[in-house]
C-alpha atoms as a PDB file:
ATOM      1  CA  MET A   1    -231.356 -79.738  -1.920  1.00  0.00           C
ATOM      2  CA  VAL A   2    -228.310 -79.210  -1.275  1.00  0.00           C
ATOM      3  CA  LYS A   3    -225.170 -81.255  -0.112  1.00  0.00           C
ATOM      4  CA  LYS A   4    -222.725 -80.335   2.816  1.00  0.00           C
ATOM      5  CA  THR A   5    -219.096 -80.373   1.247  1.00  0.00           C
ATOM      6  CA  GLU A   6    -216.202 -80.746   4.354  1.00  0.00           C
ATOM      7  CA  LEU A   7    -213.704 -78.608   2.738  1.00  0.00           C
ATOM      8  CA  THR A   8    -209.911 -78.699   3.790  1.00  0.00           C
ATOM      9  CA  LEU A   9    -206.908 -76.810   2.828  1.00  0.00           C
ATOM     10  CA  GLY A  10    -206.550 -80.419   0.361  1.00  0.00           C
ATOM     11  CA  THR A  11    -210.395 -80.229  -0.919  1.00  0.00           C
ATOM     12  CA  SER A  12    -211.174 -80.201  -4.393  1.00  0.00           C
ATOM     13  CA  ALA A  13    -214.256 -77.517  -4.613  1.00  0.00           C
ATOM     14  CA  ALA A  14    -215.785 -75.203  -7.192  1.00  0.00           C
ATOM     15  CA  TYR A  15    -215.069 -71.554  -6.473  1.00  0.00           C
ATOM     16  CA  GLN A  16    -216.394 -68.005  -8.420  1.00  0.00           C
ATOM     17  CA  ILE A  17    -213.963 -65.009  -8.610  1.00  0.00           C
ATOM     18  CA  CYS A  18    -214.527 -61.893  -9.702  1.00  0.00           C
ATOM     19  CA  VAL A  19    -212.256 -59.241 -10.552  1.00  0.00           C
ATOM     20  CA  CYS A  20    -212.037 -56.076 -11.739  1.00  0.00           C
ATOM     21  CA  GLY A  21    -210.833 -55.240 -15.284  1.00  0.00           C
ATOM     22  CA  ASN A  22    -211.089 -57.091 -18.878  1.00  0.00           C
ATOM     23  CA  LEU A  23    -209.259 -60.412 -19.021  1.00  0.00           C
ATOM     24  CA  ASP A  24    -208.404 -62.001 -21.773  1.00  0.00           C
ATOM     25  CA  GLU A  25    -210.379 -65.618 -22.066  1.00  0.00           C
ATOM     26  CA  GLU A  26    -206.436 -66.927 -23.549  1.00  0.00           C
ATOM     27  CA  LEU A  27    -205.305 -66.913 -19.639  1.00  0.00           C
ATOM     28  CA  SER A  28    -207.900 -69.367 -18.753  1.00  0.00           C
ATOM     29  CA  ALA A  29    -205.117 -72.099 -19.188  1.00  0.00           C
ATOM     30  CA  TYR A  30    -202.742 -69.441 -16.763  1.00  0.00           C
ATOM     31  CA  LEU A  31    -205.764 -69.582 -14.507  1.00  0.00           C
ATOM     32  CA  GLN A  32    -206.437 -73.684 -13.248  1.00  0.00           C
ATOM     33  CA  GLY A  33    -208.528 -73.904 -16.600  1.00  0.00           C
ATOM     34  CA  LEU A  34    -210.510 -72.088 -15.642  1.00  0.00           C
ATOM     35  CA  THR A  35    -213.377 -70.556 -17.371  1.00  0.00           C
ATOM     36  CA  VAL A  36    -213.748 -66.435 -18.465  1.00  0.00           C
ATOM     37  CA  ALA A  37    -216.946 -64.776 -18.630  1.00  0.00           C
ATOM     38  CA  HIS A  38    -217.360 -60.822 -18.930  1.00  0.00           C
ATOM     39  CA  SER A  39    -219.758 -58.264 -17.311  1.00  0.00           C
ATOM     40  CA  PRO A  40    -220.079 -55.292 -18.530  1.00  0.00           C
ATOM     41  CA  THR A  41    -220.555 -53.065 -15.171  1.00  0.00           C
ATOM     42  CA  GLY A  42    -222.779 -50.075 -16.505  1.00  0.00           C
ATOM     43  CA  LYS A  43    -219.982 -48.432 -16.445  1.00  0.00           C
ATOM     44  CA  GLU A  44    -216.798 -48.120 -17.541  1.00  0.00           C
ATOM     45  CA  GLN A  45    -214.877 -50.763 -16.235  1.00  0.00           C
ATOM     46  CA  GLN A  46    -216.023 -54.064 -17.028  1.00  0.00           C
ATOM     47  CA  LEU A  47    -215.817 -56.923 -14.328  1.00  0.00           C
ATOM     48  CA  THR A  48    -214.301 -60.195 -15.402  1.00  0.00           C
ATOM     49  CA  ILE A  49    -216.061 -63.627 -13.319  1.00  0.00           C
ATOM     50  CA  LEU A  50    -213.917 -66.733 -13.445  1.00  0.00           C
ATOM     51  CA  THR A  51    -215.679 -70.193 -12.995  1.00  0.00           C
ATOM     52  CA  GLY A  52    -214.285 -73.749 -12.539  1.00  0.00           C
ATOM     53  CA  ARG A  53    -213.019 -76.394  -9.298  1.00  0.00           C
ATOM     54  CA  LEU A  54    -209.718 -76.061  -7.788  1.00  0.00           C
ATOM     55  CA  THR A  55    -207.571 -79.357  -7.226  1.00  0.00           C
ATOM     56  CA  ASN A  56    -207.624 -77.945  -3.595  1.00  0.00           C
ATOM     57  CA  GLN A  57    -206.646 -75.230  -1.988  1.00  0.00           C
ATOM     58  CA  ALA A  58    -202.562 -74.451  -3.279  1.00  0.00           C
ATOM     59  CA  ALA A  59    -204.963 -73.574  -6.303  1.00  0.00           C
ATOM     60  CA  LEU A  60    -207.267 -70.714  -5.207  1.00  0.00           C
ATOM     61  CA  LEU A  61    -203.882 -69.528  -3.790  1.00  0.00           C
ATOM     62  CA  GLY A  62    -202.008 -70.163  -6.814  1.00  0.00           C
ATOM     63  CA  VAL A  63    -205.183 -68.478  -9.442  1.00  0.00           C
ATOM     64  CA  LEU A  64    -205.293 -65.105  -6.937  1.00  0.00           C
ATOM     65  CA  ASN A  65    -201.432 -64.896  -6.727  1.00  0.00           C
ATOM     66  CA  ALA A  66    -201.472 -65.086 -10.800  1.00  0.00           C
ATOM     67  CA  LEU A  67    -204.304 -62.266 -10.835  1.00  0.00           C
ATOM     68  CA  TYR A  68    -202.013 -60.044  -8.157  1.00  0.00           C
ATOM     69  CA  ASN A  69    -199.845 -60.255 -11.393  1.00  0.00           C
ATOM     70  CA  LEU A  70    -201.540 -59.266 -14.303  1.00  0.00           C
ATOM     71  CA  ALA A  71    -202.499 -55.838 -11.973  1.00  0.00           C
ATOM     72  CA  MET A  72    -206.832 -57.695 -11.613  1.00  0.00           C
ATOM     73  CA  PRO A  73    -208.254 -56.477  -8.521  1.00  0.00           C
ATOM     74  CA  LEU A  74    -209.494 -58.920  -6.401  1.00  0.00           C
ATOM     75  CA  ILE A  75    -213.444 -58.496  -6.261  1.00  0.00           C
ATOM     76  CA  SER A  76    -214.722 -61.042  -4.856  1.00  0.00           C
ATOM     77  CA  VAL A  77    -214.396 -64.971  -4.468  1.00  0.00           C
ATOM     78  CA  GLU A  78    -217.379 -67.400  -3.859  1.00  0.00           C
ATOM     79  CA  PHE A  79    -216.811 -70.968  -2.350  1.00  0.00           C
ATOM     80  CA  LEU A  80    -219.748 -72.423  -4.975  1.00  0.00           C
ATOM     81  CA  GLU A  81    -221.304 -75.536  -3.268  1.00  0.00           C
ATOM     82  CA  GLU A  82    -222.406 -79.074  -4.999  1.00  0.00           C
ATOM     83  CA  SER A  83    -225.821 -79.370  -5.722  1.00  0.00           C
ATOM     84  CA  GLU A  84    -226.713 -83.631  -4.914  1.00  0.00           C
END
């Protein structure tokens, strides 16, 4: 069963962010401690998937800005609802 989460600007939440390219796992600390995983697309381009909990929406924006500064094209951002 999935628990409904009331999401606000100050709510801690789990996210999965997908970007185009190969991001070094050592940048995890720079990206608020998100877990860095790689997924081949079957093409020349590789995908990097970042997963983890962020303290609030400001932290999410900070991660997105960091990815922009690293020139990583954003594919998706997904809010992961909590399971009971």
